[in-house]
Amino acid sequence: MKPLKIYKFGGASIQDAPSMARIRGIIASALNQFQLVVVVSALGKTTNALEKVVLAWHQNQSEELQQALEFVAQTHRELICELDISDRAKEQVRRSFDIRFAQLEVLLTSPPHSNYNLNYDQVVSFGELFSTTIFCEYLVLSGLQARFQDVREWIITEEPFREARIVWEETEKVLQPFVQHPNSLGPLTITQGFIGSVRGTELTSTLGREGSDYTGAILASVLNAKSLTIWKDVAGVMNADPRLFPNAIKFDVLSYREAIEMTYYGATVIHPKTIKPLENKGIPLEVNSFLRPDLIGTIVSADAISIHHTPCYIVVKNQILLSISSKDFSFIAEPGLSAIFQAISEVGLRVRLMQNSAISFSVVLDNDAFKIPGLLQSLKEKFRVKFNENVELWTIRHYTPEVIQSTTEGKTILMEQRNRETAQFVMETK
């Protein structure tokens, strides 16, 4: 019996026909040595397009809905036409996609629920269903023995929608037959990232934006996989985003602790929830480049000895800095803080940085256009609220005074914090 590995491919890796052919080659090569479960995201930009669909549906904007739907359909049908398979095979893939697309159209003929987040999950989840339907058919028709798996049958969740929590006991129960009889999976399984099903219902849930990494970690943990490999368009885990820092360097190895710290502060190369399920069972994470699969990427594991002399730069853009104070200049004490955190929790935002004084509390949040207005309205009922929009949160791990000086020189700092390992700065966007 071959060892089981979990591979995860994001939207950029399957964005067009040449990309799909490249990924097929990576998978075919690995099948010589391993049994694979491959987790696939939606095609690049499909999630954004489907967000327009759900908004138009929720707001009963029929013209905008039809335009958004046509864009999604056209994008996928154009991809099918470009695949390197016969015309007859393309027509078979097209029929499979059309059946799946019709399911979305049927959903959109029903009245939307009053809960926007519930509507969001039912619609946006089709991005992963579309991509895996096309990709699995393509692999089969190009000669690989692949089976399609609806991950909603495997991953059981509970609310809230858009940030669903895994019901581990039920997920493990569903997957237990495959743990006991690994060969029943077959050599290659294609499934979706990002989505699951709500326990005891027929509703779909999502695990949060970019949650496909987390899906891979869940399956690796429950199925006792040898490893999880996340395939990216970068050489591995870097000390900075190479799009912002051209001289960024790659880490060959990284400890679980350092990886989870980096993701906590906003590094996007790995989803923040990915590390914990792997660490629980000591399963290594490999971050490799699908553009250069011949190169060794980064290995994140319990055995890694990370000696960090290199600063790590993490930049999170499109943030909002809220300055909250009491209306009567009384202290912002525990009851006030509790009310603030409750308001933030109710709209589903994550606190990225916070700081308090005697009569004010400052907090940095993602500037979510859908969630922030409701939060501001709620907070203004009890507090005075000022805010700075379009700010950036810079985090430097393993900083030095020289690094801080060069990073912040000439920039307007609105707030800063430091501890022994990490410095953070909220700065105006230039």
Protein backbone atom coordinates (compact mmCIF):
# COMPACT_ATOMS: atom_id res chain seq x y z
CA MET A 1 0.00 0.00 0.00
CA LYS A 2 1.40 3.38 -1.02
CA PRO A 3 1.67 6.18 1.58
CA LEU A 4 -1.14 8.74 1.47
CA LYS A 5 -0.35 12.37 0.75
CA ILE A 6 -2.67 15.35 0.61
CA TYR A 7 -2.02 17.90 -2.14
CA LYS A 8 -3.69 21.30 -2.20
CA PHE A 9 -3.81 23.48 -5.31
CA GLY A 10 -5.11 27.05 -5.22
CA GLY A 11 -6.98 29.01 -7.86
CA ALA A 12 -3.83 30.44 -9.45
CA SER A 13 -2.51 26.94 -10.16
CA ILE A 14 -5.55 25.95 -12.29
CA GLN A 15 -6.46 29.33 -13.77
CA ASP A 16 -6.13 28.25 -17.41
CA ALA A 17 -5.62 25.18 -19.58
CA PRO A 18 -1.78 25.23 -19.54
CA SER A 19 -1.92 25.50 -15.75
CA MET A 20 -4.21 22.50 -15.51
CA ALA A 21 -1.86 20.52 -17.76
CA ARG A 22 1.07 21.46 -15.51
CA ILE A 23 -0.79 20.31 -12.39
CA ARG A 24 -1.78 17.09 -14.12
CA GLY A 25 1.93 16.41 -14.66
CA ILE A 26 2.73 16.99 -10.98
CA ILE A 27 -0.04 14.63 -9.92
CA ALA A 28 0.84 11.94 -12.46
CA SER A 29 4.45 11.95 -11.32
CA ALA A 30 3.50 11.62 -7.64
CA LEU A 31 1.13 8.70 -8.30
CA ASN A 32 4.16 6.52 -8.98
CA GLN A 33 4.98 6.64 -5.26
CA PHE A 34 1.92 7.87 -3.38
CA GLN A 35 -1.80 7.61 -2.99
CA LEU A 36 -3.22 11.13 -3.32
CA VAL A 37 -6.16 13.15 -2.10
CA VAL A 38 -6.05 16.42 -4.03
CA VAL A 39 -7.84 19.48 -2.63
CA VAL A 40 -8.66 22.11 -5.24
CA SER A 41 -9.80 25.72 -4.88
CA ALA A 42 -12.05 27.70 -7.21
CA LEU A 43 -10.54 29.06 -10.40
CA GLY A 44 -8.74 32.36 -9.90
CA LYS A 45 -11.16 35.29 -9.32
CA THR A 46 -14.24 33.00 -9.35
CA THR A 47 -14.93 33.59 -5.65
CA ASN A 48 -14.98 37.36 -6.24
CA ALA A 49 -17.35 36.88 -9.19
CA LEU A 50 -19.69 34.68 -7.16
CA GLU A 51 -19.71 37.28 -4.39
CA LYS A 52 -21.30 39.62 -6.94
CA VAL A 53 -23.85 36.90 -7.73
CA VAL A 54 -24.87 36.44 -4.11
CA LEU A 55 -25.09 40.18 -3.49
CA ALA A 56 -27.33 40.69 -6.52
CA TRP A 57 -29.50 37.74 -5.47
CA HIS A 58 -29.74 38.97 -1.90
CA GLN A 59 -30.72 42.47 -3.07
CA ASN A 60 -33.10 41.21 -5.79
CA GLN A 61 -31.16 42.90 -8.60
CA SER A 62 -32.09 40.67 -11.53
CA GLU A 63 -30.05 42.44 -14.23
CA GLU A 64 -26.87 42.50 -12.15
CA LEU A 65 -27.47 38.87 -11.17
CA GLN A 66 -27.71 37.74 -14.78
CA GLN A 67 -24.57 39.64 -15.78
CA ALA A 68 -22.58 38.16 -12.92
CA LEU A 69 -23.82 34.65 -13.71
CA GLU A 70 -22.90 34.98 -17.37
CA PHE A 71 -19.37 36.03 -16.44
CA VAL A 72 -18.92 32.94 -14.24
CA ALA A 73 -20.31 30.60 -16.90
CA GLN A 74 -18.24 32.14 -19.69
CA THR A 75 -15.01 31.94 -17.70
CA HIS A 76 -15.40 28.22 -17.09
CA ARG A 77 -16.64 27.37 -20.59
CA GLU A 78 -13.70 29.20 -22.17
CA LEU A 79 -11.34 27.16 -20.00
CA ILE A 80 -12.99 23.92 -21.12
CA CYS A 81 -12.55 24.89 -24.78
CA GLU A 82 -8.81 25.34 -24.24
CA LEU A 83 -8.12 21.98 -22.55
CA ASP A 84 -5.61 19.71 -24.30
CA ILE A 85 -8.09 16.89 -24.91
CA SER A 86 -10.21 15.88 -27.89
CA ASP A 87 -13.30 17.82 -28.95
CA ARG A 88 -15.49 14.88 -27.91
CA ALA A 89 -13.86 14.87 -24.47
CA LYS A 90 -14.32 18.63 -24.18
CA GLU A 91 -18.02 18.20 -24.89
CA GLN A 92 -18.25 15.65 -22.08
CA VAL A 93 -16.58 18.07 -19.66
CA ARG A 94 -18.91 20.83 -20.87
CA ARG A 95 -21.98 18.68 -20.14
CA SER A 96 -20.74 17.91 -16.63
CA PHE A 97 -20.14 21.60 -15.96
CA ASP A 98 -23.54 22.58 -17.35
CA ILE A 99 -25.26 20.12 -15.00
CA ARG A 100 -23.41 21.64 -12.05
CA PHE A 101 -24.13 25.19 -13.23
CA ALA A 102 -27.83 24.39 -13.54
CA GLN A 103 -27.83 23.53 -9.84
CA LEU A 104 -26.72 27.08 -9.06
CA GLU A 105 -29.37 28.52 -11.38
CA VAL A 106 -32.09 26.50 -9.63
CA LEU A 107 -30.89 27.76 -6.24
CA LEU A 108 -31.09 31.35 -7.47
CA THR A 109 -34.73 30.98 -8.53
CA SER A 110 -35.74 30.58 -4.87
CA PRO A 111 -36.18 33.62 -2.59
CA PRO A 112 -32.96 34.47 -0.71
CA HIS A 113 -32.81 33.91 3.02
CA SER A 114 -32.77 36.98 5.25
CA ASN A 115 -29.35 35.83 6.55
CA TYR A 116 -26.82 37.14 4.02
CA ASN A 117 -24.03 34.91 5.32
CA LEU A 118 -26.19 31.81 4.80
CA ASN A 119 -26.87 32.92 1.21
CA TYR A 120 -23.17 33.61 0.73
CA ASP A 121 -22.13 30.08 1.61
CA GLN A 122 -24.74 28.42 -0.60
CA VAL A 123 -23.67 30.42 -3.67
CA VAL A 124 -19.93 31.00 -3.29
CA SER A 125 -19.30 27.30 -2.60
CA PHE A 126 -20.13 26.58 -6.26
CA GLY A 127 -16.72 27.95 -7.24
CA GLU A 128 -15.00 24.88 -5.79
CA LEU A 129 -17.68 22.55 -7.17
CA PHE A 130 -17.20 23.98 -10.67
CA SER A 131 -13.40 23.74 -10.62
CA THR A 132 -13.26 20.19 -9.27
CA THR A 133 -15.96 18.98 -11.67
CA ILE A 134 -13.94 20.26 -14.63
CA PHE A 135 -10.55 19.21 -13.28
CA CYS A 136 -11.56 15.67 -12.32
CA GLU A 137 -13.23 15.07 -15.71
CA TYR A 138 -10.12 16.43 -17.43
CA LEU A 139 -7.84 14.08 -15.50
CA VAL A 140 -10.00 11.03 -16.27
CA LEU A 141 -10.31 11.89 -19.96
CA SER A 142 -6.55 12.42 -20.18
CA GLY A 143 -5.82 8.97 -18.77
CA LEU A 144 -5.63 9.20 -14.97
CA GLN A 145 -7.76 7.07 -12.67
CA ALA A 146 -9.37 9.84 -10.63
CA ARG A 147 -12.53 9.82 -8.53
CA PHE A 148 -14.65 12.86 -7.65
CA GLN A 149 -15.52 13.39 -4.00
CA ASP A 150 -17.97 15.99 -2.71
CA VAL A 151 -16.14 17.18 0.40
CA ARG A 152 -19.46 18.16 1.99
CA GLU A 153 -19.98 14.44 2.60
CA TRP A 154 -16.71 14.36 4.55
CA ILE A 155 -16.35 17.62 6.47
CA ILE A 156 -19.15 18.29 8.94
CA THR A 157 -19.44 21.75 10.45
CA GLU A 158 -21.60 23.97 12.61
CA GLU A 159 -22.36 27.67 12.34
CA PRO A 160 -21.44 30.50 11.95
CA PHE A 161 -21.75 30.69 8.19
CA ARG A 162 -18.64 32.01 6.37
CA GLU A 163 -16.46 30.96 9.34
CA ALA A 164 -17.79 27.48 10.05
CA ARG A 165 -16.41 25.40 12.93
CA ILE A 166 -15.43 21.80 12.29
CA VAL A 167 -17.39 19.12 14.15
CA TRP A 168 -14.36 16.88 14.56
CA GLU A 169 -16.13 13.87 16.07
CA GLU A 170 -18.59 13.57 13.17
CA THR A 171 -15.96 14.32 10.53
CA GLU A 172 -13.73 11.59 11.97
CA LYS A 173 -16.67 9.17 12.07
CA VAL A 174 -17.47 9.77 8.39
CA LEU A 175 -13.85 9.25 7.36
CA GLN A 176 -13.14 6.30 9.64
CA PRO A 177 -13.82 3.66 6.92
CA PHE A 178 -11.07 5.20 4.80
CA VAL A 179 -8.70 5.19 7.77
CA GLN A 180 -9.37 1.49 8.32
CA HIS A 181 -9.28 0.64 4.60
CA PRO A 182 -7.10 3.22 2.82
CA ASN A 183 -7.30 1.37 -0.51
CA SER A 184 -11.00 2.21 -0.68
CA LEU A 185 -10.00 5.76 -1.52
CA GLY A 186 -8.43 4.63 -4.76
CA PRO A 187 -5.15 5.98 -6.13
CA LEU A 188 -6.42 9.53 -6.71
CA THR A 189 -9.29 11.48 -5.18
CA ILE A 190 -10.20 15.01 -6.29
CA THR A 191 -12.16 17.09 -3.80
CA GLN A 192 -12.92 20.68 -2.83
CA GLY A 193 -11.29 23.03 -0.38
CA PHE A 194 -13.03 25.79 1.60
CA ILE A 195 -16.45 24.14 1.99
CA GLY A 196 -18.30 21.68 4.22
CA SER A 197 -21.85 20.82 5.25
CA VAL A 198 -23.82 22.06 8.26
CA ARG A 199 -24.52 19.23 10.70
CA GLY A 200 -28.04 17.84 10.43
CA THR A 201 -28.99 19.95 7.40
CA GLU A 202 -28.54 20.05 3.62
CA LEU A 203 -26.90 23.47 3.86
CA THR A 204 -23.38 24.21 2.68
CA SER A 205 -20.88 26.07 4.87
CA THR A 206 -17.55 27.74 4.15
CA LEU A 207 -14.43 27.81 6.32
CA GLY A 208 -13.38 31.42 5.68
CA ARG A 209 -11.65 33.04 2.71
CA GLU A 210 -8.62 31.08 1.50
CA GLY A 211 -9.78 28.17 3.65
CA SER A 212 -8.65 25.42 1.27
CA ASP A 213 -5.33 25.09 3.12
CA TYR A 214 -7.34 24.34 6.25
CA THR A 215 -9.33 21.69 4.38
CA GLY A 216 -6.08 20.00 3.42
CA ALA A 217 -4.92 20.03 7.04
CA ILE A 218 -8.23 18.58 8.27
CA LEU A 219 -8.06 15.70 5.80
CA ALA A 220 -4.36 15.09 6.47
CA SER A 221 -5.03 14.89 10.21
CA VAL A 222 -8.12 12.68 10.08
CA LEU A 223 -6.79 10.35 7.36
CA ASN A 224 -3.33 10.11 9.02
CA ALA A 225 -1.58 11.27 5.86
CA LYS A 226 2.18 11.19 5.46
CA SER A 227 2.21 14.93 4.69
CA LEU A 228 0.27 17.90 3.36
CA THR A 229 1.74 19.76 0.39
CA ILE A 230 0.47 23.22 -0.50
CA TRP A 231 1.42 24.17 -4.05
CA LYS A 232 1.97 27.92 -4.53
CA ASP A 233 3.35 30.28 -7.16
CA VAL A 234 6.31 31.03 -4.86
CA ALA A 235 9.32 28.87 -4.05
CA GLY A 236 8.20 28.23 -0.45
CA VAL A 237 7.65 30.24 2.72
CA MET A 238 9.50 33.53 2.37
CA ASN A 239 10.55 36.07 4.97
CA ALA A 240 8.37 38.63 3.13
CA ASP A 241 5.90 38.88 0.27
CA PRO A 242 8.13 38.83 -2.83
CA ARG A 243 5.64 41.09 -4.62
CA LEU A 244 6.43 43.82 -2.08
CA PHE A 245 10.01 42.82 -1.21
CA PRO A 246 11.95 41.72 -4.33
CA ASN A 247 14.88 40.53 -2.20
CA ALA A 248 12.76 38.20 -0.04
CA ILE A 249 14.47 34.93 0.90
CA LYS A 250 13.07 31.43 1.31
CA PHE A 251 13.15 29.36 4.49
CA ASP A 252 14.22 25.76 3.91
CA VAL A 253 12.69 24.65 7.21
CA LEU A 254 10.31 26.25 9.66
CA SER A 255 8.96 25.18 13.03
CA TYR A 256 5.24 24.84 13.66
CA ARG A 257 5.51 27.65 16.20
CA GLU A 258 7.14 30.10 13.83
CA ALA A 259 4.70 29.24 11.03
CA ILE A 260 1.66 29.77 13.22
CA GLU A 261 3.06 33.07 14.50
CA MET A 262 3.58 34.29 10.94
CA THR A 263 0.07 33.31 9.84
CA TYR A 264 -1.44 34.84 12.96
CA TYR A 265 0.06 38.20 12.06
CA GLY A 266 -1.27 38.00 8.51
CA ALA A 267 1.21 36.09 6.33
CA THR A 268 -0.98 34.79 3.50
CA VAL A 269 1.19 31.94 2.24
CA ILE A 270 -0.60 29.57 4.67
CA HIS A 271 -4.12 29.86 6.09
CA PRO A 272 -3.94 30.61 9.86
CA LYS A 273 -5.89 27.51 10.91
CA THR A 274 -3.74 25.10 8.90
CA ILE A 275 -0.95 24.39 11.37
CA LYS A 276 -2.84 23.17 14.44
CA PRO A 277 -4.39 19.97 12.97
CA LEU A 278 -0.99 19.03 11.54
CA GLU A 279 0.88 19.78 14.76
CA ASN A 280 -1.58 17.61 16.71
CA LYS A 281 -0.34 14.53 14.83
CA GLY A 282 3.15 15.63 13.86
CA ILE A 283 2.32 15.72 10.14
CA PRO A 284 4.79 17.83 8.14
CA LEU A 285 3.64 20.60 5.83
CA GLU A 286 5.48 21.16 2.57
CA VAL A 287 5.12 24.42 0.67
CA ASN A 288 6.29 23.96 -2.92
CA SER A 289 6.13 25.88 -6.20
CA PHE A 290 3.86 24.49 -8.91
CA LEU A 291 5.91 26.58 -11.37
CA ARG A 292 9.13 24.77 -10.35
CA PRO A 293 8.14 21.42 -8.87
CA ASP A 294 11.72 20.22 -9.26
CA LEU A 295 12.89 22.64 -6.55
CA ILE A 296 12.81 21.92 -2.82
CA GLY A 297 10.41 24.27 -1.05
CA THR A 298 9.86 24.79 2.68
CA ILE A 299 9.18 22.04 5.22
CA VAL A 300 7.21 22.99 8.33
CA SER A 301 7.46 20.35 11.03
CA ALA A 302 8.06 19.54 14.69
CA ASP A 303 11.63 18.53 13.90
CA ALA A 304 12.59 21.82 12.28
CA ILE A 305 15.14 23.81 14.24
CA SER A 306 14.44 27.39 13.26
CA ILE A 307 17.27 29.75 14.08
CA HIS A 308 15.98 33.11 12.95
CA HIS A 309 18.45 35.87 12.34
CA THR A 310 16.46 37.09 9.35
CA PRO A 311 13.62 39.53 10.02
CA CYS A 312 10.18 38.55 8.68
CA TYR A 313 8.02 41.29 7.18
CA ILE A 314 4.22 40.91 7.10
CA VAL A 315 2.13 43.67 5.53
CA VAL A 316 -1.67 43.66 5.79
CA LYS A 317 -3.35 46.33 3.69
CA ASN A 318 -6.85 47.82 3.67
CA GLN A 319 -7.17 48.07 7.43
CA ILE A 320 -9.20 50.45 9.57
CA LEU A 321 -8.02 51.91 12.87
CA LEU A 322 -10.86 52.61 15.31
CA SER A 323 -10.33 54.90 18.31
CA ILE A 324 -13.12 54.30 20.80
CA SER A 325 -13.73 56.39 23.91
CA SER A 326 -16.50 56.77 26.46
CA LYS A 327 -18.96 59.62 25.96
CA ASP A 328 -18.52 60.91 29.52
CA PHE A 329 -14.72 60.53 29.73
CA SER A 330 -15.01 57.64 32.18
CA PHE A 331 -12.50 54.79 32.05
CA ILE A 332 -12.76 52.16 29.34
CA ALA A 333 -12.81 49.32 31.87
CA GLU A 334 -13.88 45.68 31.65
CA PRO A 335 -17.63 46.26 31.01
CA GLY A 336 -16.84 48.68 28.18
CA LEU A 337 -14.23 46.37 26.67
CA SER A 338 -16.70 43.50 26.85
CA ALA A 339 -19.28 45.52 24.92
CA ILE A 340 -16.70 46.45 22.27
CA PHE A 341 -15.54 42.86 21.76
CA GLN A 342 -19.12 41.62 21.63
CA ALA A 343 -19.94 44.12 18.88
CA ILE A 344 -16.85 43.07 16.91
CA SER A 345 -17.67 39.38 17.37
CA GLU A 346 -21.28 39.82 16.25
CA VAL A 347 -20.24 41.17 12.85
CA GLY A 348 -17.59 38.47 12.44
CA LEU A 349 -14.42 40.57 12.35
CA ARG A 350 -11.03 39.61 13.72
CA VAL A 351 -8.96 41.94 15.92
CA ARG A 352 -5.52 42.36 14.37
CA LEU A 353 -4.08 44.79 16.93
CA MET A 354 -5.41 46.56 20.02
CA GLN A 355 -4.22 49.11 22.52
CA ASN A 356 -5.89 50.92 25.41
CA SER A 357 -5.37 53.95 27.62
CA ALA A 358 -7.41 55.24 30.53
CA ILE A 359 -10.27 56.65 28.47
CA SER A 360 -9.81 55.16 24.99
CA PHE A 361 -9.39 51.86 23.22
CA SER A 362 -7.86 51.50 19.76
CA VAL A 363 -8.32 48.49 17.55
CA VAL A 364 -7.21 47.53 14.02
CA LEU A 365 -9.62 45.50 11.86
CA ASP A 366 -10.02 44.45 8.24
CA ASN A 367 -11.85 47.28 6.46
CA ASP A 368 -14.70 45.03 5.32
CA ALA A 369 -17.17 47.19 3.38
CA PHE A 370 -20.06 44.92 4.35
CA LYS A 371 -19.28 44.55 8.07
CA ILE A 372 -17.70 47.84 9.19
CA PRO A 373 -20.77 50.11 8.73
CA GLY A 374 -22.86 47.91 11.04
CA LEU A 375 -20.06 47.77 13.59
CA LEU A 376 -19.68 51.56 13.62
CA GLN A 377 -23.41 52.02 14.06
CA SER A 378 -23.45 49.59 16.98
CA LEU A 379 -20.43 51.15 18.72
CA LYS A 380 -21.69 54.72 18.33
CA GLU A 381 -24.72 53.89 20.46
CA LYS A 382 -22.46 53.71 23.53
CA PHE A 383 -19.14 55.30 22.59
CA ARG A 384 -17.44 58.06 20.70
CA VAL A 385 -15.77 56.55 17.65
CA LYS A 386 -13.12 58.03 15.36
CA PHE A 387 -11.43 56.08 12.62
CA ASN A 388 -8.68 56.11 10.02
CA GLU A 389 -9.44 54.16 6.87
CA ASN A 390 -7.05 52.66 4.32
CA VAL A 391 -4.19 52.13 6.75
CA GLU A 392 -1.60 49.33 6.69
CA LEU A 393 -0.50 47.04 9.49
CA TRP A 394 3.19 46.19 9.31
CA THR A 395 4.55 43.37 11.48
CA ILE A 396 8.26 42.64 11.79
CA ARG A 397 9.27 39.39 13.45
CA HIS A 398 12.82 39.18 14.85
CA TYR A 399 13.36 42.89 14.36
CA THR A 400 16.44 44.98 14.97
CA PRO A 401 16.60 48.74 15.58
CA GLU A 402 18.14 49.18 12.14
CA VAL A 403 15.33 47.25 10.47
CA ILE A 404 12.67 49.30 12.24
CA GLN A 405 14.35 52.55 11.26
CA SER A 406 14.62 51.59 7.59
CA THR A 407 11.04 50.29 7.50
CA THR A 408 9.33 53.26 9.13
CA GLU A 409 11.52 56.11 7.90
CA GLY A 410 9.44 58.83 6.24
CA LYS A 411 6.12 57.16 7.10
CA THR A 412 3.34 58.36 9.37
CA ILE A 413 2.94 55.97 12.30
CA LEU A 414 -0.54 56.04 13.88
CA MET A 415 0.05 53.30 16.45
CA GLU A 416 2.84 50.90 17.40
CA GLN A 417 3.55 47.98 19.73
CA ARG A 418 6.65 45.93 20.47
CA ASN A 419 7.57 42.85 22.45
CA ARG A 420 10.79 40.86 22.54
CA GLU A 421 10.28 39.23 19.14
CA THR A 422 7.73 41.30 17.27
CA ALA A 423 7.16 44.95 16.38
CA GLN A 424 3.93 46.19 14.83
CA PHE A 425 3.14 49.52 13.21
CA VAL A 426 -0.11 50.98 11.92
CA MET A 427 0.87 53.38 9.14
CA GLU A 428 -0.90 55.57 6.67
CA THR A 429 -0.94 54.20 3.14
CA LYS A 430 1.21 56.20 0.75
